[in-house]
C-alpha atoms as a PDB file:
ATOM      1  CA  MET A   1      -0.037  -0.064  -0.087  1.00  0.00           C
ATOM      2  CA  ALA A   2       2.983   2.289   1.159  1.00  0.00           C
ATOM      3  CA  LYS A   3       4.483   1.537  -2.123  1.00  0.00           C
ATOM      4  CA  PHE A   4       1.443   2.329  -4.894  1.00  0.00           C
ATOM      5  CA  ARG A   5       0.935   5.555  -2.861  1.00  0.00           C
ATOM      6  CA  ASP A   6       4.425   6.284  -3.690  1.00  0.00           C
ATOM      7  CA  ILE A   7       4.449   5.968  -6.890  1.00  0.00           C
ATOM      8  CA  GLN A   8       0.804   7.865  -6.980  1.00  0.00           C
ATOM      9  CA  PHE A   9       2.740  10.695  -5.489  1.00  0.00           C
ATOM     10  CA  ARG A  10       5.973  10.368  -7.390  1.00  0.00           C
ATOM     11  CA  LEU A  11       2.851  10.550 -11.058  1.00  0.00           C
ATOM     12  CA  GLU A  12       1.462  13.865  -9.572  1.00  0.00           C
ATOM     13  CA  TYR A  13       4.561  15.071  -9.111  1.00  0.00           C
ATOM     14  CA  LEU A  14       5.259  14.484 -12.553  1.00  0.00           C
ATOM     15  CA  PHE A  15       1.906  15.577 -14.148  1.00  0.00           C
ATOM     16  CA  LEU A  16       2.994  19.256 -12.095  1.00  0.00           C
ATOM     17  CA  ARG A  17       6.083  19.544 -13.238  1.00  0.00           C
ATOM     18  CA  ILE A  18       4.748  18.654 -16.935  1.00  0.00           C
ATOM     19  CA  VAL A  19       1.850  21.577 -16.492  1.00  0.00           C
ATOM     20  CA  VAL A  20       4.413  23.983 -15.099  1.00  0.00           C
ATOM     21  CA  ALA A  21       6.621  23.509 -18.158  1.00  0.00           C
ATOM     22  CA  LEU A  22       3.742  24.103 -20.574  1.00  0.00           C
ATOM     23  CA  VAL A  23       2.833  27.724 -18.743  1.00  0.00           C
ATOM     24  CA  ARG A  24       6.155  28.708 -18.464  1.00  0.00           C
ATOM     25  CA  SER A  25       6.727  27.768 -22.619  1.00  0.00           C
ATOM     26  CA  MET A  26       3.885  30.347 -22.950  1.00  0.00           C
ATOM     27  CA  GLY A  27       5.514  32.951 -21.253  1.00  0.00           C
ATOM     28  CA  LEU A  28       4.323  35.183 -18.473  1.00  0.00           C
ATOM     29  CA  ARG A  29       1.971  37.460 -20.326  1.00  0.00           C
ATOM     30  CA  ARG A  30       0.240  34.625 -22.435  1.00  0.00           C
ATOM     31  CA  SER A  31       0.383  32.071 -20.343  1.00  0.00           C
ATOM     32  CA  VAL A  32      -1.364  34.722 -17.594  1.00  0.00           C
ATOM     33  CA  GLU A  33      -4.107  36.081 -20.042  1.00  0.00           C
ATOM     34  CA  PHE A  34      -4.518  31.868 -21.003  1.00  0.00           C
ATOM     35  CA  SER A  35      -5.184  30.641 -17.723  1.00  0.00           C
ATOM     36  CA  ALA A  36      -7.597  34.014 -16.360  1.00  0.00           C
ATOM     37  CA  ARG A  37      -9.890  33.030 -19.484  1.00  0.00           C
ATOM     38  CA  SER A  38     -10.061  29.356 -18.771  1.00  0.00           C
ATOM     39  CA  TRP A  39     -10.901  30.309 -15.773  1.00  0.00           C
ATOM     40  CA  ARG A  40     -13.648  32.726 -15.987  1.00  0.00           C
ATOM     41  CA  PHE A  41     -15.267  30.366 -18.060  1.00  0.00           C
ATOM     42  CA  PHE A  42     -14.305  26.904 -17.308  1.00  0.00           C
ATOM     43  CA  ALA A  43     -14.675  27.396 -12.861  1.00  0.00           C
ATOM     44  CA  PRO A  44     -18.240  28.347 -12.658  1.00  0.00           C
ATOM     45  CA  ILE A  45     -18.602  24.970 -14.534  1.00  0.00           C
ATOM     46  CA  VAL A  46     -16.231  22.782 -13.121  1.00  0.00           C
ATOM     47  CA  ALA A  47     -16.775  24.374  -9.477  1.00  0.00           C
ATOM     48  CA  LYS A  48     -20.230  24.937  -9.553  1.00  0.00           C
ATOM     49  CA  LYS A  49     -20.294  24.334  -5.502  1.00  0.00           C
ATOM     50  CA  ARG A  50     -17.595  27.025  -5.313  1.00  0.00           C
ATOM     51  CA  HIS A  51     -19.415  29.698  -7.468  1.00  0.00           C
ATOM     52  CA  ASN A  52     -22.323  29.367  -5.897  1.00  0.00           C
ATOM     53  CA  ARG A  53     -20.559  30.255  -2.533  1.00  0.00           C
ATOM     54  CA  ALA A  54     -19.000  33.087  -4.103  1.00  0.00           C
ATOM     55  CA  LEU A  55     -22.474  34.446  -4.961  1.00  0.00           C
ATOM     56  CA  ALA A  56     -23.935  33.944  -1.212  1.00  0.00           C
ATOM     57  CA  ASN A  57     -20.435  35.826   0.158  1.00  0.00           C
ATOM     58  CA  LEU A  58     -20.932  38.601  -2.107  1.00  0.00           C
ATOM     59  CA  ALA A  59     -24.571  38.630  -1.135  1.00  0.00           C
ATOM     60  CA  VAL A  60     -23.936  39.001   2.659  1.00  0.00           C
ATOM     61  CA  ALA A  61     -21.026  41.691   1.751  1.00  0.00           C
ATOM     62  CA  PHE A  62     -23.320  43.462  -0.993  1.00  0.00           C
ATOM     63  CA  PRO A  63     -26.395  42.809   0.205  1.00  0.00           C
ATOM     64  CA  GLU A  64     -27.929  45.920  -2.008  1.00  0.00           C
ATOM     65  CA  MET A  65     -26.162  44.900  -5.088  1.00  0.00           C
ATOM     66  CA  SER A  66     -27.987  43.428  -8.042  1.00  0.00           C
ATOM     67  CA  ASP A  67     -27.687  39.988  -8.940  1.00  0.00           C
ATOM     68  CA  GLY A  68     -26.515  40.683 -12.351  1.00  0.00           C
ATOM     69  CA  GLU A  69     -23.371  42.447 -10.581  1.00  0.00           C
ATOM     70  CA  ARG A  70     -22.628  40.243  -8.048  1.00  0.00           C
ATOM     71  CA  GLN A  71     -22.463  37.609 -10.759  1.00  0.00           C
ATOM     72  CA  ARG A  72     -20.127  40.134 -12.897  1.00  0.00           C
ATOM     73  CA  ILE A  73     -17.611  39.918  -9.776  1.00  0.00           C
ATOM     74  CA  ALA A  74     -17.662  36.582  -9.092  1.00  0.00           C
ATOM     75  CA  LEU A  75     -16.492  36.097 -12.915  1.00  0.00           C
ATOM     76  CA  ALA A  76     -14.078  38.198 -12.316  1.00  0.00           C
ATOM     77  CA  HIS A  77     -12.592  36.604  -9.266  1.00  0.00           C
ATOM     78  CA  TRP A  78     -12.254  33.552 -11.077  1.00  0.00           C
ATOM     79  CA  GLU A  79     -10.203  35.519 -13.768  1.00  0.00           C
ATOM     80  CA  ASN A  80      -8.055  37.081 -11.256  1.00  0.00           C
ATOM     81  CA  LEU A  81      -7.687  33.278  -9.608  1.00  0.00           C
ATOM     82  CA  GLY A  82      -6.517  32.400 -13.143  1.00  0.00           C
ATOM     83  CA  ARG A  83      -3.912  35.018 -13.508  1.00  0.00           C
ATOM     84  CA  VAL A  84      -2.233  33.914  -9.781  1.00  0.00           C
ATOM     85  CA  MET A  85      -2.544  30.357 -10.456  1.00  0.00           C
ATOM     86  CA  ALA A  86      -0.566  30.770 -14.090  1.00  0.00           C
ATOM     87  CA  GLU A  87       1.998  33.152 -12.068  1.00  0.00           C
ATOM     88  CA  THR A  88       2.499  30.722  -9.032  1.00  0.00           C
ATOM     89  CA  MET A  89       4.575  29.145 -12.003  1.00  0.00           C
ATOM     90  CA  GLN A  90       6.455  31.985 -12.901  1.00  0.00           C
ATOM     91  CA  LEU A  91       7.035  34.220  -9.271  1.00  0.00           C
ATOM     92  CA  ASP A  92      11.160  33.931 -10.515  1.00  0.00           C
ATOM     93  CA  ARG A  93      10.252  35.861 -13.626  1.00  0.00           C
ATOM     94  CA  ILE A  94       7.934  38.129 -11.893  1.00  0.00           C
ATOM     95  CA  LEU A  95      10.283  39.402  -9.432  1.00  0.00           C
ATOM     96  CA  ARG A  96      13.693  39.755 -11.712  1.00  0.00           C
ATOM     97  CA  GLU A  97      11.406  42.580 -12.824  1.00  0.00           C
ATOM     98  CA  PRO A  98      11.592  45.214  -9.732  1.00  0.00           C
ATOM     99  CA  ASP A  99       8.727  47.302 -11.478  1.00  0.00           C
ATOM    100  CA  ARG A 100       6.288  44.991 -11.659  1.00  0.00           C
ATOM    101  CA  VAL A 101       5.971  45.069  -7.627  1.00  0.00           C
ATOM    102  CA  GLN A 102       5.798  48.646  -6.546  1.00  0.00           C
ATOM    103  CA  VAL A 103       5.437  49.776  -2.738  1.00  0.00           C
ATOM    104  CA  ASP A 104       2.209  52.116  -2.287  1.00  0.00           C
ATOM    105  CA  ASP A 105       2.869  54.891   0.398  1.00  0.00           C
ATOM    106  CA  SER A 106       6.353  53.643   1.155  1.00  0.00           C
ATOM    107  CA  TYR A 107       6.461  55.662   5.191  1.00  0.00           C
ATOM    108  CA  ILE A 108       6.705  52.367   7.090  1.00  0.00           C
ATOM    109  CA  PHE A 109       8.827  50.697   4.937  1.00  0.00           C
ATOM    110  CA  GLU A 110      11.420  53.221   4.573  1.00  0.00           C
ATOM    111  CA  ARG A 111      10.938  54.174   8.725  1.00  0.00           C
ATOM    112  CA  TYR A 112      11.637  50.987  10.163  1.00  0.00           C
ATOM    113  CA  ILE A 113      13.773  49.443   6.901  1.00  0.00           C
ATOM    114  CA  ASN A 114      17.324  49.282   9.255  1.00  0.00           C
ATOM    115  CA  LYS A 115      15.206  48.226  12.760  1.00  0.00           C
ATOM    116  CA  PHE A 116      12.483  45.782  11.724  1.00  0.00           C
ATOM    117  CA  GLY A 117      12.903  43.457  14.553  1.00  0.00           C
ATOM    118  CA  PRO A 118       9.896  41.342  15.276  1.00  0.00           C
ATOM    119  CA  ILE A 119       7.122  41.360  12.871  1.00  0.00           C
ATOM    120  CA  VAL A 120       3.706  39.563  12.320  1.00  0.00           C
ATOM    121  CA  GLY A 121       2.566  40.168   8.668  1.00  0.00           C
ATOM    122  CA  VAL A 122      -1.350  39.922   7.694  1.00  0.00           C
ATOM    123  CA  SER A 123      -2.669  39.587   4.638  1.00  0.00           C
ATOM    124  CA  LEU A 124      -5.526  39.133   2.631  1.00  0.00           C
ATOM    125  CA  HIS A 125      -6.537  36.671  -0.329  1.00  0.00           C
ATOM    126  CA  MET A 126      -6.094  39.937  -2.705  1.00  0.00           C
ATOM    127  CA  GLY A 127      -4.648  40.177  -6.033  1.00  0.00           C
ATOM    128  CA  ASN A 128      -1.334  38.010  -5.670  1.00  0.00           C
ATOM    129  CA  TRP A 129      -1.066  37.750  -2.240  1.00  0.00           C
ATOM    130  CA  GLU A 130       1.809  35.509  -2.261  1.00  0.00           C
ATOM    131  CA  LEU A 131       3.609  39.008  -3.103  1.00  0.00           C
ATOM    132  CA  ALA A 132       2.912  41.022  -0.204  1.00  0.00           C
ATOM    133  CA  ILE A 133       5.640  39.335   1.771  1.00  0.00           C
ATOM    134  CA  TRP A 134       8.472  40.783  -0.639  1.00  0.00           C
ATOM    135  CA  PRO A 135       8.554  44.264   0.942  1.00  0.00           C
ATOM    136  CA  MET A 136      10.109  42.546   3.945  1.00  0.00           C
ATOM    137  CA  THR A 137      12.605  40.358   1.726  1.00  0.00           C
ATOM    138  CA  LEU A 138      13.651  43.670  -0.453  1.00  0.00           C
ATOM    139  CA  GLY A 139      14.370  45.131   2.796  1.00  0.00           C
ATOM    140  CA  GLY A 140      17.043  42.645   3.278  1.00  0.00           C
ATOM    141  CA  LYS A 141      15.172  40.686   5.992  1.00  0.00           C
ATOM    142  CA  LYS A 142      14.598  36.579   5.799  1.00  0.00           C
ATOM    143  CA  PRO A 143      10.655  36.190   6.712  1.00  0.00           C
ATOM    144  CA  ALA A 144       9.185  32.834   6.657  1.00  0.00           C
ATOM    145  CA  ALA A 145       5.694  32.309   6.788  1.00  0.00           C
ATOM    146  CA  VAL A 146       2.844  30.224   7.377  1.00  0.00           C
ATOM    147  CA  TYR A 147       1.169  28.164   4.862  1.00  0.00           C
ATOM    148  CA  ARG A 148      -0.738  25.006   4.296  1.00  0.00           C
ATOM    149  CA  SER A 149       1.121  22.019   3.298  1.00  0.00           C
ATOM    150  CA  VAL A 150       0.169  19.634   0.084  1.00  0.00           C
ATOM    151  CA  ASN A 151      -0.209  15.572   1.317  1.00  0.00           C
ATOM    152  CA  ASN A 152       2.073  15.123  -1.485  1.00  0.00           C
ATOM    153  CA  PRO A 153       5.552  15.576  -0.475  1.00  0.00           C
ATOM    154  CA  TYR A 154       7.091  15.480  -4.055  1.00  0.00           C
ATOM    155  CA  VAL A 155       5.011  18.192  -4.638  1.00  0.00           C
ATOM    156  CA  ASP A 156       5.120  20.001  -1.096  1.00  0.00           C
ATOM    157  CA  GLN A 157       8.896  20.281  -1.827  1.00  0.00           C
ATOM    158  CA  TYR A 158       8.930  21.588  -4.905  1.00  0.00           C
ATOM    159  CA  LEU A 159       6.193  24.392  -4.329  1.00  0.00           C
ATOM    160  CA  ARG A 160       8.374  25.297  -1.026  1.00  0.00           C
ATOM    161  CA  ALA A 161      12.020  25.238  -3.202  1.00  0.00           C
ATOM    162  CA  GLN A 162       9.864  27.583  -5.654  1.00  0.00           C
ATOM    163  CA  ARG A 163       9.312  29.945  -2.831  1.00  0.00           C
ATOM    164  CA  ALA A 164      12.707  29.714  -1.469  1.00  0.00           C
ATOM    165  CA  ASN A 165      13.676  33.164  -2.340  1.00  0.00           C
ATOM    166  CA  MET A 166      10.376  35.132  -1.303  1.00  0.00           C
ATOM    167  CA  TYR A 167      10.754  33.378   2.505  1.00  0.00           C
ATOM    168  CA  PRO A 168      14.424  33.289   2.876  1.00  0.00           C
ATOM    169  CA  GLY A 169      13.248  32.167   6.336  1.00  0.00           C
ATOM    170  CA  GLY A 170      11.766  29.024   5.856  1.00  0.00           C
ATOM    171  CA  LEU A 171       8.436  27.829   5.452  1.00  0.00           C
ATOM    172  CA  PHE A 172       5.694  26.511   8.929  1.00  0.00           C
ATOM    173  CA  GLY A 173       3.508  23.899   7.279  1.00  0.00           C
ATOM    174  CA  ARG A 174      -0.074  23.572   8.873  1.00  0.00           C
ATOM    175  CA  GLY A 175      -0.662  19.948   7.255  1.00  0.00           C
ATOM    176  CA  LYS A 176       0.451  16.951   7.414  1.00  0.00           C
ATOM    177  CA  VAL A 177       3.789  17.469   5.568  1.00  0.00           C
ATOM    178  CA  ALA A 178       6.180  19.082   7.668  1.00  0.00           C
ATOM    179  CA  GLY A 179       7.714  22.771   6.869  1.00  0.00           C
ATOM    180  CA  ASP A 180      11.286  23.305   6.873  1.00  0.00           C
ATOM    181  CA  HIS A 181      11.350  24.472  10.511  1.00  0.00           C
ATOM    182  CA  GLY A 182      10.860  21.047  12.214  1.00  0.00           C
ATOM    183  CA  ASP A 183       8.390  17.997  13.252  1.00  0.00           C
ATOM    184  CA  ASN A 184       5.391  19.392  14.389  1.00  0.00           C
ATOM    185  CA  GLN A 185       4.239  22.282  12.713  1.00  0.00           C
ATOM    186  CA  ARG A 186       0.127  22.003  13.599  1.00  0.00           C
ATOM    187  CA  THR A 187       1.543  23.639  17.597  1.00  0.00           C
ATOM    188  CA  ALA A 188       1.919  27.339  17.536  1.00  0.00           C
ATOM    189  CA  ARG A 189       5.451  27.498  19.937  1.00  0.00           C
ATOM    190  CA  LEU A 190       7.869  27.242  16.678  1.00  0.00           C
ATOM    191  CA  ILE A 191       6.201  29.970  15.215  1.00  0.00           C
ATOM    192  CA  THR A 192       6.301  32.314  18.464  1.00  0.00           C
ATOM    193  CA  ASP A 193       9.609  31.765  18.757  1.00  0.00           C
ATOM    194  CA  PHE A 194      10.396  32.149  15.669  1.00  0.00           C
ATOM    195  CA  VAL A 195       8.797  36.003  15.681  1.00  0.00           C
ATOM    196  CA  ARG A 196      10.336  36.353  19.492  1.00  0.00           C
ATOM    197  CA  ARG A 197      13.705  35.825  17.985  1.00  0.00           C
ATOM    198  CA  GLY A 198      13.250  39.161  16.206  1.00  0.00           C
ATOM    199  CA  GLY A 199      12.172  37.144  13.249  1.00  0.00           C
ATOM    200  CA  GLN A 200       9.090  38.444  10.535  1.00  0.00           C
ATOM    201  CA  LEU A 201       6.765  36.533   9.717  1.00  0.00           C
ATOM    202  CA  GLY A 202       3.860  36.423   7.133  1.00  0.00           C
ATOM    203  CA  MET A 203      -0.170  34.728   7.212  1.00  0.00           C
ATOM    204  CA  VAL A 204      -3.398  35.482   5.968  1.00  0.00           C
ATOM    205  CA  CYS A 205      -6.322  35.831   8.122  1.00  0.00           C
ATOM    206  CA  ASP A 206      -9.354  36.296   6.283  1.00  0.00           C
ATOM    207  CA  LEU A 207     -10.256  33.047   5.797  1.00  0.00           C
ATOM    208  CA  TYR A 208     -13.417  31.139   8.486  1.00  0.00           C
ATOM    209  CA  ASP A 209     -11.349  29.137  11.192  1.00  0.00           C
ATOM    210  CA  ARG A 210     -13.586  27.025  13.556  1.00  0.00           C
ATOM    211  CA  THR A 211     -11.496  27.366  16.420  1.00  0.00           C
ATOM    212  CA  GLY A 212     -10.999  31.525  15.898  1.00  0.00           C
ATOM    213  CA  ILE A 213     -12.115  34.167  17.152  1.00  0.00           C
ATOM    214  CA  PRO A 214     -15.685  35.395  16.144  1.00  0.00           C
ATOM    215  CA  VAL A 215     -15.365  39.013  14.857  1.00  0.00           C
ATOM    216  CA  PRO A 216     -17.826  41.348  12.268  1.00  0.00           C
ATOM    217  CA  PHE A 217     -16.933  40.967   9.206  1.00  0.00           C
ATOM    218  CA  PHE A 218     -19.234  42.589   6.445  1.00  0.00           C
ATOM    219  CA  GLY A 219     -21.457  42.865   9.316  1.00  0.00           C
ATOM    220  CA  GLN A 220     -21.706  38.996   9.954  1.00  0.00           C
ATOM    221  CA  ASP A 221     -19.777  37.317  12.801  1.00  0.00           C
ATOM    222  CA  ALA A 222     -16.683  35.160  11.369  1.00  0.00           C
ATOM    223  CA  ARG A 223     -14.576  33.109  13.178  1.00  0.00           C
ATOM    224  CA  THR A 224     -10.980  34.171  12.302  1.00  0.00           C
ATOM    225  CA  GLN A 225      -7.393  32.315  13.072  1.00  0.00           C
ATOM    226  CA  ALA A 226      -6.302  35.031  15.556  1.00  0.00           C
ATOM    227  CA  ILE A 227      -2.542  33.320  16.318  1.00  0.00           C
ATOM    228  CA  GLY A 228      -1.047  36.410  14.539  1.00  0.00           C
ATOM    229  CA  ALA A 229      -2.029  38.486  17.298  1.00  0.00           C
ATOM    230  CA  MET A 230      -1.477  36.490  19.862  1.00  0.00           C
ATOM    231  CA  ILE A 231       2.014  35.920  19.470  1.00  0.00           C
ATOM    232  CA  ALA A 232       2.335  40.097  18.555  1.00  0.00           C
ATOM    233  CA  ARG A 233       0.542  40.815  21.859  1.00  0.00           C
ATOM    234  CA  ARG A 234       2.940  38.161  24.026  1.00  0.00           C
ATOM    235  CA  VAL A 235       6.308  39.042  22.489  1.00  0.00           C
ATOM    236  CA  GLY A 236       6.002  42.483  21.999  1.00  0.00           C
ATOM    237  CA  ALA A 237       6.125  42.260  17.914  1.00  0.00           C
ATOM    238  CA  ARG A 238       4.884  45.179  15.035  1.00  0.00           C
ATOM    239  CA  VAL A 239       1.789  43.772  13.484  1.00  0.00           C
ATOM    240  CA  TRP A 240       1.659  45.072   9.871  1.00  0.00           C
ATOM    241  CA  MET A 241      -0.972  44.903   7.357  1.00  0.00           C
ATOM    242  CA  ALA A 242      -0.734  44.489   3.571  1.00  0.00           C
ATOM    243  CA  ARG A 243      -2.809  44.013   0.400  1.00  0.00           C
ATOM    244  CA  CYS A 244      -1.097  43.311  -3.047  1.00  0.00           C
ATOM    245  CA  VAL A 245      -3.482  44.753  -5.809  1.00  0.00           C
ATOM    246  CA  ARG A 246      -3.274  43.832  -8.938  1.00  0.00           C
ATOM    247  CA  VAL A 247      -2.676  46.866 -11.371  1.00  0.00           C
ATOM    248  CA  GLY A 248      -4.922  46.536 -14.755  1.00  0.00           C
ATOM    249  CA  SER A 249      -5.182  43.112 -15.843  1.00  0.00           C
ATOM    250  CA  GLU A 250      -1.443  42.308 -16.509  1.00  0.00           C
ATOM    251  CA  SER A 251       0.821  41.032 -14.016  1.00  0.00           C
ATOM    252  CA  ARG A 252       1.975  44.065 -12.110  1.00  0.00           C
ATOM    253  CA  PHE A 253       1.194  44.907  -8.319  1.00  0.00           C
ATOM    254  CA  CYS A 254       1.003  47.511  -6.006  1.00  0.00           C
ATOM    255  CA  ILE A 255       1.514  46.522  -2.253  1.00  0.00           C
ATOM    256  CA  THR A 256      -0.058  48.478   0.805  1.00  0.00           C
ATOM    257  CA  LEU A 257       1.829  48.071   4.231  1.00  0.00           C
ATOM    258  CA  LYS A 258      -0.233  49.819   6.915  1.00  0.00           C
ATOM    259  CA  GLU A 259       0.824  49.174  10.643  1.00  0.00           C
ATOM    260  CA  LEU A 260      -1.943  47.946  13.838  1.00  0.00           C
ATOM    261  CA  ARG A 261      -1.614  49.057  16.571  1.00  0.00           C
ATOM    262  CA  VAL A 262      -1.321  46.535  19.300  1.00  0.00           C
ATOM    263  CA  PRO A 263      -2.517  46.909  22.891  1.00  0.00           C
ATOM    264  CA  ARG A 264      -1.303  46.506  25.508  1.00  0.00           C
ATOM    265  CA  SER A 265      -3.789  46.633  28.348  1.00  0.00           C
ATOM    266  CA  ALA A 266      -4.130  44.414  31.450  1.00  0.00           C
ATOM    267  CA  ASN A 267      -6.501  42.185  29.688  1.00  0.00           C
ATOM    268  CA  GLN A 268      -4.993  40.136  27.169  1.00  0.00           C
ATOM    269  CA  SER A 269      -7.775  38.540  25.559  1.00  0.00           C
ATOM    270  CA  ALA A 270      -9.703  42.039  25.093  1.00  0.00           C
ATOM    271  CA  ASP A 271      -6.865  42.578  23.785  1.00  0.00           C
ATOM    272  CA  VAL A 272      -5.908  40.158  20.880  1.00  0.00           C
ATOM    273  CA  ARG A 273     -10.137  40.636  20.255  1.00  0.00           C
ATOM    274  CA  GLU A 274      -9.232  44.006  19.844  1.00  0.00           C
ATOM    275  CA  MET A 275      -6.617  43.943  16.700  1.00  0.00           C
ATOM    276  CA  MET A 276      -8.703  40.990  15.065  1.00  0.00           C
ATOM    277  CA  VAL A 277     -11.299  43.598  14.913  1.00  0.00           C
ATOM    278  CA  GLN A 278      -9.289  46.158  13.177  1.00  0.00           C
ATOM    279  CA  MET A 279      -7.595  44.225  11.364  1.00  0.00           C
ATOM    280  CA  GLN A 280     -11.248  42.673   9.692  1.00  0.00           C
ATOM    281  CA  ILE A 281     -12.260  46.347   9.571  1.00  0.00           C
ATOM    282  CA  GLN A 282      -9.368  47.175   7.196  1.00  0.00           C
ATOM    283  CA  PHE A 283      -9.636  43.933   5.460  1.00  0.00           C
ATOM    284  CA  GLU A 284     -13.366  44.855   4.664  1.00  0.00           C
ATOM    285  CA  GLU A 285     -12.286  48.336   3.601  1.00  0.00           C
ATOM    286  CA  TRP A 286      -9.869  46.953   1.268  1.00  0.00           C
ATOM    287  CA  ILE A 287     -11.726  44.276  -0.106  1.00  0.00           C
ATOM    288  CA  ARG A 288     -14.286  46.710  -1.037  1.00  0.00           C
ATOM    289  CA  GLN A 289     -11.949  48.897  -3.006  1.00  0.00           C
ATOM    290  CA  ASN A 290     -11.088  45.552  -5.435  1.00  0.00           C
ATOM    291  CA  PRO A 291     -14.072  43.768  -4.622  1.00  0.00           C
ATOM    292  CA  GLU A 292     -13.037  41.377  -8.101  1.00  0.00           C
ATOM    293  CA  GLN A 293      -9.708  40.783  -6.883  1.00  0.00           C
ATOM    294  CA  TRP A 294     -10.580  38.947  -3.765  1.00  0.00           C
ATOM    295  CA  MET A 295     -10.987  35.306  -2.975  1.00  0.00           C
ATOM    296  CA  TRP A 296     -14.803  35.436  -2.741  1.00  0.00           C
ATOM    297  CA  SER A 297     -15.123  31.514  -2.816  1.00  0.00           C
ATOM    298  CA  ASN A 298     -13.457  30.725  -0.218  1.00  0.00           C
ATOM    299  CA  ARG A 299     -15.131  29.816   2.687  1.00  0.00           C
ATOM    300  CA  ARG A 300     -15.320  32.891   5.555  1.00  0.00           C
ATOM    301  CA  TRP A 301     -18.850  32.828   7.321  1.00  0.00           C
ATOM    302  CA  SER A 302     -19.887  29.558   8.929  1.00  0.00           C
END
């Protein structure tokens, strides 16, 4: 059984490498446009359940919108995800051209460039969210990130290797496959220790988490991962919020950074919740500005 499983993993890995080779052979612009058109057309059909979820989420967030407008945003969101899929296989090409990724208001970046210290960076699934960490790497630091491990160890190792330049501090896996920092990645201890030692840690905090803290999001409580806020409050780290917005339809992006105040009252639980509330308020504001670029097909409310 184990041998059969290993053969299956190897075949999946081989298929991935073939797909990556085909995508890269098309070049960045052509492959991204082809993927965008394909996802826009096929995703609502092939992933009908997720498309319906996107429409339902849009109805929660924008009850005043017409069905036609929600459908337009849902299709545009699939188009953006198609672009992200092709870009994920060519991140090295994007980063080789510095003008493709710009930092919007660089005040925070320039102020702390030589004294970053421990930072918890939180972002949301907007634009090409993987690039949201790039300002820290560009500043000469070695940020790490929390990611969802892939069950296939060959695919998981390949995906982590492709992101080595973006996350020189490594990746902390959340699934069954270990990341770069040890075996038991499902606890907060390793992440906390990394930040406490002065590290910069990136994570996305806009997904439903059944063990998370219920905080308002578009008028309804949404259980949200609180580990980032808890770590920052516990070890005295700064919290940077980042969004990566696609500029136009090409692989060009603008990153916005904002510092989230970390309250330190006598009530730690209240402080963490306050951070989570303010974090979701900012996310909601960003989503309202660019609704087509957020991942509406993800689960957000219970």
